[in-house]
Protein backbone atom coordinates (compact mmCIF):
# COMPACT_ATOMS: atom_id res chain seq x y z
CA UNK A 1 -6.89 2.64 11.85
CA UNK A 2 -10.38 2.36 13.28
CA UNK A 3 -10.56 6.06 14.02
CA UNK A 4 -9.55 6.92 10.49
CA UNK A 5 -12.04 4.43 9.06
CA UNK A 6 -14.79 5.82 11.29
CA UNK A 7 -14.04 9.40 10.25
CA UNK A 8 -14.31 8.49 6.60
CA UNK A 9 -17.34 6.22 6.89
CA UNK A 10 -19.47 8.68 8.88
CA UNK A 11 -18.56 11.93 7.15
CA UNK A 12 -20.20 13.73 4.26
CA UNK A 13 -19.81 14.42 1.48
CA UNK A 14 -18.03 11.12 0.83
CA UNK A 15 -16.88 11.07 -2.77
CA UNK A 16 -17.83 8.44 -5.30
CA UNK A 17 -14.21 7.79 -5.98
CA UNK A 18 -12.51 6.22 -8.98
CA UNK A 19 -8.82 5.53 -9.36
CA UNK A 20 -6.98 8.21 -11.37
CA UNK A 21 -6.30 6.61 -14.74
CA UNK A 22 -2.78 5.56 -15.53
CA UNK A 23 -0.89 3.24 -17.85
CA UNK A 24 -0.36 0.08 -15.84
CA UNK A 25 2.90 -1.83 -15.83
CA UNK A 26 3.00 -4.47 -18.60
CA UNK A 27 3.11 -7.27 -16.03
CA UNK A 28 -0.06 -5.94 -14.43
CA UNK A 29 -2.13 -5.28 -17.56
CA UNK A 30 -4.04 -8.55 -17.32
CA UNK A 31 -5.10 -7.90 -13.73
CA UNK A 32 -8.02 -5.59 -14.31
CA UNK A 33 -10.21 -4.01 -16.91
CA UNK A 34 -8.45 -1.63 -19.33
CA UNK A 35 -8.06 1.92 -18.08
CA UNK A 36 -7.66 5.10 -20.07
CA UNK A 37 -4.06 6.31 -19.98
CA UNK A 38 -3.14 9.75 -18.72
CA UNK A 39 0.18 11.56 -18.72
CA UNK A 40 1.67 11.52 -15.24
CA UNK A 41 2.50 14.84 -13.56
CA UNK A 42 5.43 16.48 -15.26
CA UNK A 43 6.82 18.19 -12.17
CA UNK A 44 6.24 17.65 -8.50
CA UNK A 45 6.89 19.99 -5.60
CA UNK A 46 9.26 18.55 -3.04
CA UNK A 47 6.97 19.67 -0.21
CA UNK A 48 4.96 16.96 1.54
CA UNK A 49 1.59 16.20 0.06
CA UNK A 50 -1.04 17.95 2.24
CA UNK A 51 -3.70 15.80 3.85
CA UNK A 52 -4.88 17.77 6.88
CA UNK A 53 -7.75 20.29 6.64
CA UNK A 54 -5.46 23.20 7.55
CA UNK A 55 -3.51 22.66 4.35
CA UNK A 56 -6.64 23.45 2.32
CA UNK A 57 -7.99 26.27 4.48
CA UNK A 58 -7.89 28.72 1.58
CA UNK A 59 -10.04 26.53 -0.70
CA UNK A 60 -13.80 26.57 -1.02
CA UNK A 61 -15.88 23.86 -2.70
CA UNK A 62 -15.81 24.47 -6.43
CA UNK A 63 -12.58 26.50 -6.43
CA UNK A 64 -10.20 25.57 -9.26
CA UNK A 65 -7.10 23.69 -8.09
CA UNK A 66 -3.84 23.94 -10.01
CA UNK A 67 -1.95 20.64 -9.91
CA UNK A 68 1.62 20.50 -11.32
CA UNK A 69 1.73 18.58 -14.58
CA UNK A 70 -2.00 18.79 -15.35
CA UNK A 71 -3.74 21.42 -17.56
CA UNK A 72 -5.40 24.31 -15.74
CA UNK A 73 -9.06 23.60 -15.09
CA UNK A 74 -8.61 19.83 -14.73
CA UNK A 75 -9.60 19.79 -11.05
CA UNK A 76 -11.79 21.74 -8.66
CA UNK A 77 -11.81 21.44 -4.87
CA UNK A 78 -14.49 18.94 -3.79
CA UNK A 79 -14.31 19.24 0.00
CA UNK A 80 -13.51 16.75 2.74
CA UNK A 81 -14.47 13.19 3.58
CA UNK A 82 -13.65 13.13 7.27
CA UNK A 83 -10.27 14.84 7.45
CA UNK A 84 -9.21 13.84 3.94
CA UNK A 85 -9.49 16.34 1.09
CA UNK A 86 -10.59 15.38 -2.41
CA UNK A 87 -10.85 17.03 -5.83
CA UNK A 88 -13.39 16.76 -8.64
CA UNK A 89 -12.20 15.94 -12.16
CA UNK A 90 -14.05 18.52 -14.27
CA UNK A 91 -14.20 16.22 -17.30
CA UNK A 92 -15.45 12.98 -15.74
CA UNK A 93 -17.02 14.54 -12.61
CA UNK A 94 -15.35 11.80 -10.60
CA UNK A 95 -13.63 12.46 -7.29
CA UNK A 96 -9.94 11.94 -6.56
CA UNK A 97 -8.23 11.87 -3.17
CA UNK A 98 -5.88 14.85 -2.87
CA UNK A 99 -3.25 12.58 -1.28
CA UNK A 100 -2.81 10.71 -4.57
CA UNK A 101 -1.75 13.81 -6.52
CA UNK A 102 1.08 16.32 -6.12
CA UNK A 103 0.40 19.32 -3.85
CA UNK A 104 -1.61 22.15 -5.43
CA UNK A 105 0.28 25.22 -6.61
CA UNK A 106 -0.28 28.28 -4.44
CA UNK A 107 -1.64 31.38 -6.15
CA UNK A 108 1.63 33.28 -5.77
CA UNK A 109 3.43 30.38 -7.49
CA UNK A 110 0.99 30.02 -10.37
CA UNK A 111 3.04 32.15 -12.74
CA UNK A 112 6.07 29.90 -12.40
CA UNK A 113 6.59 27.75 -15.52
CA UNK A 114 6.31 23.99 -15.23
CA UNK A 115 9.67 22.55 -16.21
CA UNK A 116 9.76 19.86 -18.85
CA UNK A 117 11.15 16.83 -17.06
CA UNK A 118 12.98 13.90 -18.66
CA UNK A 119 9.84 11.81 -18.10
CA UNK A 120 7.73 14.25 -20.10
CA UNK A 121 10.25 14.42 -22.92
CA UNK A 122 10.25 10.63 -23.15
CA UNK A 123 6.47 10.58 -23.50
CA UNK A 124 6.52 13.14 -26.31
CA UNK A 125 9.29 11.35 -28.20
CA UNK A 126 9.19 7.66 -27.41
CA UNK A 127 11.75 6.91 -30.10
CA UNK A 128 14.54 8.41 -27.99
CA UNK A 129 15.41 6.23 -25.02
CA UNK A 130 18.45 5.90 -22.86
CA UNK A 131 19.55 2.31 -22.68
CA UNK A 132 21.44 3.07 -19.48
CA UNK A 133 18.38 4.43 -17.71
CA UNK A 134 17.68 2.34 -14.60
CA UNK A 135 14.01 3.27 -14.59
CA UNK A 136 14.37 5.67 -11.69
CA UNK A 137 16.50 8.44 -13.24
CA UNK A 138 13.90 11.18 -12.95
CA UNK A 139 12.03 9.85 -9.90
CA UNK A 140 13.77 10.14 -6.56
CA UNK A 141 12.70 7.99 -3.64
CA UNK A 142 13.24 9.91 -0.42
CA UNK A 143 12.65 7.20 2.19
CA UNK A 144 11.51 3.58 1.90
CA UNK A 145 9.79 2.35 5.05
CA UNK A 146 9.53 -1.43 5.38
CA UNK A 147 6.73 -2.31 7.79
CA UNK A 148 5.82 -5.54 9.53
CA UNK A 149 2.06 -6.02 9.94
CA UNK A 150 1.12 -8.20 12.92
CA UNK A 151 2.31 -6.90 16.29
CA UNK A 152 3.68 -3.78 14.60
CA UNK A 153 0.98 -1.93 12.67
CA UNK A 154 -1.84 -4.00 14.13
CA UNK A 155 -2.31 -6.03 17.29
CA UNK A 156 -3.76 -9.37 16.24
CA UNK A 157 -1.82 -12.62 16.62
CA UNK A 158 -0.57 -11.79 20.12
CA UNK A 159 -4.17 -11.29 21.21
CA UNK A 160 -5.11 -14.70 19.82
CA UNK A 161 -2.21 -16.45 21.55
CA UNK A 162 -2.53 -14.43 24.76
CA UNK A 163 1.10 -13.25 24.64
CA UNK A 164 0.06 -9.59 24.51
CA UNK A 165 -1.92 -9.92 27.74
CA UNK A 166 0.85 -11.99 29.36
CA UNK A 167 3.50 -9.35 28.62
CA UNK A 168 1.43 -6.39 29.83
CA UNK A 169 1.48 -5.89 33.57
CA UNK A 170 -1.58 -4.44 35.16
CA UNK A 171 -4.16 -5.79 32.70
CA UNK A 172 -7.17 -7.07 34.58
CA UNK A 173 -8.59 -10.51 33.94
CA UNK A 174 -11.71 -8.83 32.54
CA UNK A 175 -9.68 -6.78 30.03
CA UNK A 176 -7.64 -9.82 28.99
CA UNK A 177 -10.80 -11.82 28.40
CA UNK A 178 -12.34 -8.98 26.38
CA UNK A 179 -9.23 -8.67 24.18
CA UNK A 180 -9.15 -12.40 23.56
CA UNK A 181 -12.81 -12.39 22.53
CA UNK A 182 -12.33 -9.43 20.20
CA UNK A 183 -9.33 -11.09 18.57
CA UNK A 184 -11.41 -14.17 17.93
CA UNK A 185 -14.11 -12.08 16.26
CA UNK A 186 -11.56 -10.30 14.07
CA UNK A 187 -9.95 -13.60 13.10
CA UNK A 188 -13.31 -15.04 12.07
CA UNK A 189 -14.06 -11.89 10.07
CA UNK A 190 -10.67 -11.96 8.29
CA UNK A 191 -11.06 -15.57 7.19
CA UNK A 192 -14.73 -15.21 6.29
CA UNK A 193 -13.90 -12.34 3.94
CA UNK A 194 -10.81 -14.15 2.60
CA UNK A 195 -12.79 -17.31 1.84
CA UNK A 196 -16.08 -15.82 0.66
CA UNK A 197 -14.74 -12.92 -1.39
CA UNK A 198 -11.07 -13.62 -2.21
CA UNK A 199 -10.87 -17.37 -2.99
CA UNK A 200 -8.89 -18.34 0.10
CA UNK A 201 -10.54 -21.78 0.27
CA UNK A 202 -8.73 -22.71 -2.93
CA UNK A 203 -5.65 -20.47 -2.44
CA UNK A 204 -4.75 -21.47 1.12
CA UNK A 205 -1.34 -23.13 1.03
CA UNK A 206 -0.79 -21.83 -2.51
CA UNK A 207 0.85 -18.70 -1.20
CA UNK A 208 2.95 -16.35 -3.35
CA UNK A 209 5.57 -13.92 -2.09
CA UNK A 210 4.16 -10.99 -4.08
CA UNK A 211 1.56 -10.23 -6.74
CA UNK A 212 4.12 -10.48 -9.53
CA UNK A 213 4.70 -14.11 -8.60
CA UNK A 214 0.97 -14.62 -8.07
CA UNK A 215 0.23 -13.61 -11.67
CA UNK A 216 3.21 -15.32 -13.26
CA UNK A 217 1.04 -18.05 -14.84
CA UNK A 218 -1.95 -15.90 -15.81
CA UNK A 219 -2.75 -16.38 -19.51
CA UNK A 220 -4.88 -13.21 -19.68
CA UNK A 221 -8.13 -14.96 -20.54
CA UNK A 222 -11.53 -13.28 -20.11
CA UNK A 223 -12.93 -14.32 -16.72
CA UNK A 224 -16.47 -12.99 -17.13
CA UNK A 225 -17.87 -16.51 -17.66
CA UNK A 226 -15.19 -18.52 -15.89
CA UNK A 227 -16.57 -21.07 -13.41
CA UNK A 228 -14.28 -20.83 -10.39
CA UNK A 229 -16.53 -23.10 -8.33
CA UNK A 230 -16.07 -26.08 -10.63
CA UNK A 231 -12.53 -25.86 -12.02
CA UNK A 232 -11.22 -28.34 -9.44
CA UNK A 233 -8.69 -26.16 -7.61
CA UNK A 234 -8.51 -26.92 -3.89
CA UNK A 235 -6.54 -25.37 -1.09
CA UNK A 236 -3.57 -27.03 0.58
CA UNK A 237 -3.99 -26.03 4.24
CA UNK A 238 -0.99 -26.68 6.41
CA UNK A 239 1.39 -27.04 3.46
CA UNK A 240 3.83 -24.12 3.53
CA UNK A 241 5.89 -25.43 0.61
CA UNK A 242 2.98 -26.15 -1.70
CA UNK A 243 4.41 -24.52 -4.82
CA UNK A 244 6.76 -27.47 -5.37
CA UNK A 245 3.72 -29.74 -5.71
CA UNK A 246 1.52 -27.64 -7.98
CA UNK A 247 0.81 -28.79 -11.53
CA UNK A 248 0.90 -26.39 -14.48
CA UNK A 249 -2.89 -26.46 -14.56
CA UNK A 250 -3.14 -25.57 -10.87
CA UNK A 251 -0.61 -22.77 -11.24
CA UNK A 252 -2.78 -21.24 -13.98
CA UNK A 253 -5.98 -21.59 -11.94
CA UNK A 254 -4.33 -19.97 -8.92
CA UNK A 255 -3.07 -17.05 -11.02
CA UNK A 256 -6.57 -16.42 -12.37
CA UNK A 257 -7.84 -16.12 -8.82
CA UNK A 258 -4.96 -13.88 -7.76
CA UNK A 259 -5.79 -11.60 -10.67
CA UNK A 260 -9.20 -10.94 -9.13
CA UNK A 261 -7.73 -10.61 -5.64
CA UNK A 262 -5.50 -7.83 -6.93
CA UNK A 263 -8.37 -6.28 -8.85
CA UNK A 264 -10.46 -6.10 -5.69
CA UNK A 265 -7.60 -4.64 -3.67
CA UNK A 266 -7.22 -1.91 -6.28
CA UNK A 267 -10.96 -1.31 -6.12
CA UNK A 268 -10.77 -0.92 -2.34
CA UNK A 269 -8.00 1.65 -2.76
CA UNK A 270 -10.28 3.86 -4.84
CA UNK A 271 -12.13 5.05 -1.72
CA UNK A 272 -14.92 4.29 0.70
CA UNK A 273 -17.41 3.10 -1.91
CA UNK A 274 -14.83 0.80 -3.44
CA UNK A 275 -14.01 -0.65 -0.02
CA UNK A 276 -17.69 -1.23 0.72
CA UNK A 277 -18.18 -2.98 -2.61
CA UNK A 278 -15.31 -5.36 -1.89
CA UNK A 279 -15.96 -6.13 1.79
CA UNK A 280 -19.62 -5.35 2.41
CA UNK A 281 -21.22 -2.97 4.90
CA UNK A 282 -21.71 -5.52 7.67
CA UNK A 283 -18.08 -6.68 7.52
CA UNK A 284 -16.80 -3.11 7.66
CA UNK A 285 -19.04 -2.11 10.54
CA UNK A 286 -18.13 -5.28 12.44
CA UNK A 287 -14.42 -4.64 12.00
CA UNK A 288 -14.80 -0.99 12.95
CA UNK A 289 -16.55 -1.78 16.23
CA UNK A 290 -14.04 -4.46 17.23
CA UNK A 291 -11.00 -2.34 16.30
CA UNK A 292 -12.33 0.65 18.22
CA UNK A 293 -12.58 -1.46 21.36
CA UNK A 294 -9.15 -3.05 20.88
CA UNK A 295 -7.65 0.42 20.44
CA UNK A 296 -9.24 1.61 23.66
CA UNK A 297 -7.79 -1.37 25.55
CA UNK A 298 -4.27 -1.17 24.04
CA UNK A 299 -3.39 2.52 24.50
CA UNK A 300 -4.53 3.33 20.94
CA UNK A 301 -1.77 1.18 19.45
CA UNK A 302 -3.29 0.78 15.97
CA UNK A 303 -4.63 4.32 15.78
CA UNK A 304 -1.16 5.68 16.62
CA UNK A 305 0.41 3.51 13.91
CA UNK A 306 -2.11 4.67 11.30
CA UNK A 307 -1.58 8.27 12.31
CA UNK A 308 2.14 7.91 11.57
CA UNK A 309 1.44 6.22 8.23
CA UNK A 310 -0.86 9.06 7.25
CA UNK A 311 1.96 11.57 7.76
CA UNK A 312 4.26 9.79 5.31
CA UNK A 313 3.53 11.37 1.94
CA UNK A 314 3.76 9.17 -1.12
CA UNK A 315 2.42 9.60 -4.67
CA UNK A 316 0.74 6.59 -6.23
CA UNK A 317 1.27 8.00 -9.73
CA UNK A 318 5.04 8.01 -9.22
CA UNK A 319 5.04 4.58 -7.60
CA UNK A 320 3.18 3.30 -10.66
CA UNK A 321 6.00 4.57 -12.87
CA UNK A 322 8.61 2.94 -10.66
CA UNK A 323 6.70 -0.35 -10.74
CA UNK A 324 6.41 -0.15 -14.52
CA UNK A 325 10.14 0.30 -15.02
CA UNK A 326 11.52 -1.69 -12.11
CA UNK A 327 8.83 -4.30 -11.35
CA UNK A 328 9.03 -6.80 -8.51
CA UNK A 329 10.78 -10.09 -9.23
CA UNK A 330 8.45 -13.05 -9.61
CA UNK A 331 11.24 -15.42 -8.59
CA UNK A 332 13.18 -14.63 -5.38
CA UNK A 333 16.81 -13.74 -5.95
CA UNK A 334 19.60 -12.89 -3.55
CA UNK A 335 22.99 -11.35 -4.20
CA UNK A 336 25.34 -12.01 -1.27
CA UNK A 337 27.27 -9.10 0.13
CA UNK A 338 25.09 -6.31 -1.28
CA UNK A 339 24.48 -3.49 1.18
CA UNK A 340 22.55 -0.24 1.10
CA UNK A 341 24.54 2.91 0.34
CA UNK A 342 22.96 6.07 1.73
CA UNK A 343 22.66 9.14 -0.46
CA UNK A 344 22.94 12.69 0.73
CA UNK A 345 20.17 15.12 -0.15
CA UNK A 346 22.20 16.84 -2.85
CA UNK A 347 22.99 13.69 -4.81
CA UNK A 348 19.43 12.43 -4.41
CA UNK A 349 17.92 15.56 -5.91
CA UNK A 350 20.34 16.78 -8.55
CA UNK A 351 17.62 18.31 -10.71
CA UNK A 352 15.15 20.92 -9.50
CA UNK A 353 12.34 19.31 -11.48
CA UNK A 354 12.99 15.80 -10.17
CA UNK A 355 9.84 14.04 -8.96
CA UNK A 356 9.98 12.68 -5.42
CA UNK A 357 8.05 10.27 -3.27
CA UNK A 358 8.35 8.16 -0.14
CA UNK A 359 7.31 4.52 -0.31
CA UNK A 360 5.67 2.31 2.31
CA UNK A 361 6.42 -1.40 1.82
CA UNK A 362 4.79 -4.23 3.77
CA UNK A 363 6.70 -7.44 4.55
CA UNK A 364 4.71 -9.90 6.62
CA UNK A 365 4.96 -13.57 7.49
CA UNK A 366 1.25 -14.05 6.76
CA UNK A 367 -0.10 -15.46 3.50
CA UNK A 368 -0.84 -12.92 0.79
CA UNK A 369 -4.64 -13.22 0.71
CA UNK A 370 -5.31 -12.87 4.49
CA UNK A 371 -2.76 -10.03 4.53
CA UNK A 372 -4.71 -8.12 1.87
CA UNK A 373 -7.91 -8.66 3.86
CA UNK A 374 -6.29 -7.36 7.06
CA UNK A 375 -5.07 -4.23 5.27
CA UNK A 376 -8.58 -3.50 4.05
CA UNK A 377 -10.42 -4.30 7.28
CA UNK A 378 -7.97 -2.34 9.43
CA UNK A 379 -8.06 0.66 7.07
CA UNK A 380 -4.39 0.43 6.09
CA UNK A 381 -4.86 -0.41 2.40
CA UNK A 382 -4.61 3.20 1.25
CA UNK A 383 -1.00 3.34 2.48
CA UNK A 384 0.35 0.34 0.51
CA UNK A 385 0.59 -0.01 -3.25
CA UNK A 386 -0.11 -3.63 -4.31
CA UNK A 387 3.39 -4.03 -5.78
CA UNK A 388 4.80 -3.12 -2.34
CA UNK A 389 3.19 -6.01 -0.43
CA UNK A 390 5.37 -9.05 0.30
CA UNK A 391 4.72 -12.34 2.07
CA UNK A 392 7.92 -13.70 3.60
CA UNK A 393 6.38 -16.99 4.73
CA UNK A 394 8.32 -19.22 2.33
CA UNK A 395 11.28 -17.01 1.37
CA UNK A 396 12.12 -15.21 4.63
CA UNK A 397 12.54 -11.55 5.55
CA UNK A 398 16.15 -11.43 4.31
CA UNK A 399 15.11 -12.27 0.74
CA UNK A 400 12.27 -9.74 0.80
CA UNK A 401 14.50 -6.98 2.15
CA UNK A 402 17.14 -7.70 -0.51
CA UNK A 403 14.46 -7.49 -3.21
CA UNK A 404 13.33 -4.12 -1.88
CA UNK A 405 16.93 -2.87 -2.00
CA UNK A 406 17.20 -4.02 -5.63
CA UNK A 407 14.05 -2.13 -6.59
CA UNK A 408 14.68 1.07 -4.66
CA UNK A 409 18.46 1.30 -4.57
CA UNK A 410 18.38 5.04 -5.31
CA UNK A 411 16.47 5.82 -2.10
CA UNK A 412 18.02 8.36 0.23
CA UNK A 413 17.13 6.20 3.26
CA UNK A 414 15.68 2.74 3.91
CA UNK A 415 14.15 2.00 7.30
CA UNK A 416 12.77 -1.31 8.58
CA UNK A 417 10.17 -1.33 11.36
CA UNK A 418 9.06 -4.46 13.15
CA UNK A 419 9.01 -6.53 16.32
CA UNK A 420 11.08 -9.64 15.59
CA UNK A 421 14.75 -10.60 15.65
CA UNK A 422 14.48 -11.90 12.07
CA UNK A 423 13.57 -8.41 10.83
CA UNK A 424 16.35 -6.80 12.82
CA UNK A 425 18.94 -9.27 11.53
CA UNK A 426 17.81 -8.80 7.92
CA UNK A 427 17.91 -5.00 8.24
CA UNK A 428 21.35 -5.04 9.89
CA UNK A 429 22.83 -7.30 7.21
CA UNK A 430 21.83 -4.80 4.49
CA UNK A 431 22.74 -1.67 6.49
CA UNK A 432 19.13 -0.51 6.83
CA UNK A 433 18.10 1.46 9.89
CA UNK A 434 15.87 -0.63 12.15
CA UNK A 435 13.29 0.37 14.74
CA UNK A 436 11.76 -2.18 17.06
CA UNK A 437 8.14 -1.68 18.07
CA UNK A 438 7.05 -3.00 21.44
CA UNK A 439 4.78 -0.14 22.53
CA UNK A 440 2.75 2.69 20.91
CA UNK A 441 5.32 5.20 22.14
CA UNK A 442 7.83 3.66 19.71
CA UNK A 443 5.90 5.20 16.82
CA UNK A 444 6.67 8.65 18.20
CA UNK A 445 10.37 7.75 18.26
CA UNK A 446 10.15 6.71 14.61
CA UNK A 447 8.36 9.93 13.75
CA UNK A 448 11.15 11.94 15.39
CA UNK A 449 13.77 10.10 13.32
CA UNK A 450 11.86 10.68 10.09
CA UNK A 451 11.55 14.39 10.82
């Protein structure tokens, strides 16, 4: 994570990035300022979305780039920020990460017609709808990967408690002391950002299991002149079941804060400048230095995890459509006895023009606000859509996994990746594949399975 962050932060030309416009899900429309709608890509190649420089070796800065589903001339090749390619929108002159759009069409394929997909036909004739459509009929999810955060994607809590050092033979006392000190610095940084920038002083103990639940009581009011400092909302530290004690007024005040938390997470996902604006230069540089050192002392654990995440192609535009049609549940629900049924490749891609994506989902025992901060500080935010972040603290991993199955039941494969027995039990009960992570080498095993 640190290596990727460092490559982006220190490279030029770094784009002034803005999120590609889209029509947000109805339940999310009050979260942020209105955005101009754009028709999503009409057809998507089934090939993985390129992100490495070699994939763009034939492009020069300024070359036109043909993207399936967009009019010719919409984008030109902008170059690289670190190892990540980006395009320039010729109308707005704003930059867009290549990884958030379908792969460009090669010159020899340019003459092929773009098929009109069911999604495109629905947009041109909104009066014709299929009442039986489950919201995923023309979008196929290849693989859903359910990730744990602490002690899986990042090494954090085990450094604070000392269990990481205790379980690793051969670590010197000097290395153990250094890791403990670095963990303390990162913990202070996480909570400073959470409290100073994301309202954690008043949201602590008022945890929500996802952003849908967090915004359930938002009345959509204009917050430009709202006085958060004097509305009386206080945190409930140490109370893990606080929702049962919250008044209607407090539920509203918490939702207003969560709206801005989500807004800032979306801003961070727009690119380096957005991340800087949310966190601040000093916080980013402090996290980068600490993470670099932790990586060096832990066999590049976090860098190896981020490298695997970067190889899992997913399209935010398609995930947006899935979230619009099959949004997360605000209230946890479980249906006993439901299990995942795997699909073969043929049944999962019955139409040549079907749009495909993989989806990374995060399920962590941490509270939602500190989790969002960790994702941003550790450079993992670009891999997780906000509707795919779950806190299992109050509801448990089993409930979260069952919710993910409900939302993405048409996936060809669902894989859970973590370090605890709770995650393994939840995955087994739903017939998900499970991979336990105890060492950086485990990520290579997971990569082999995904291939």
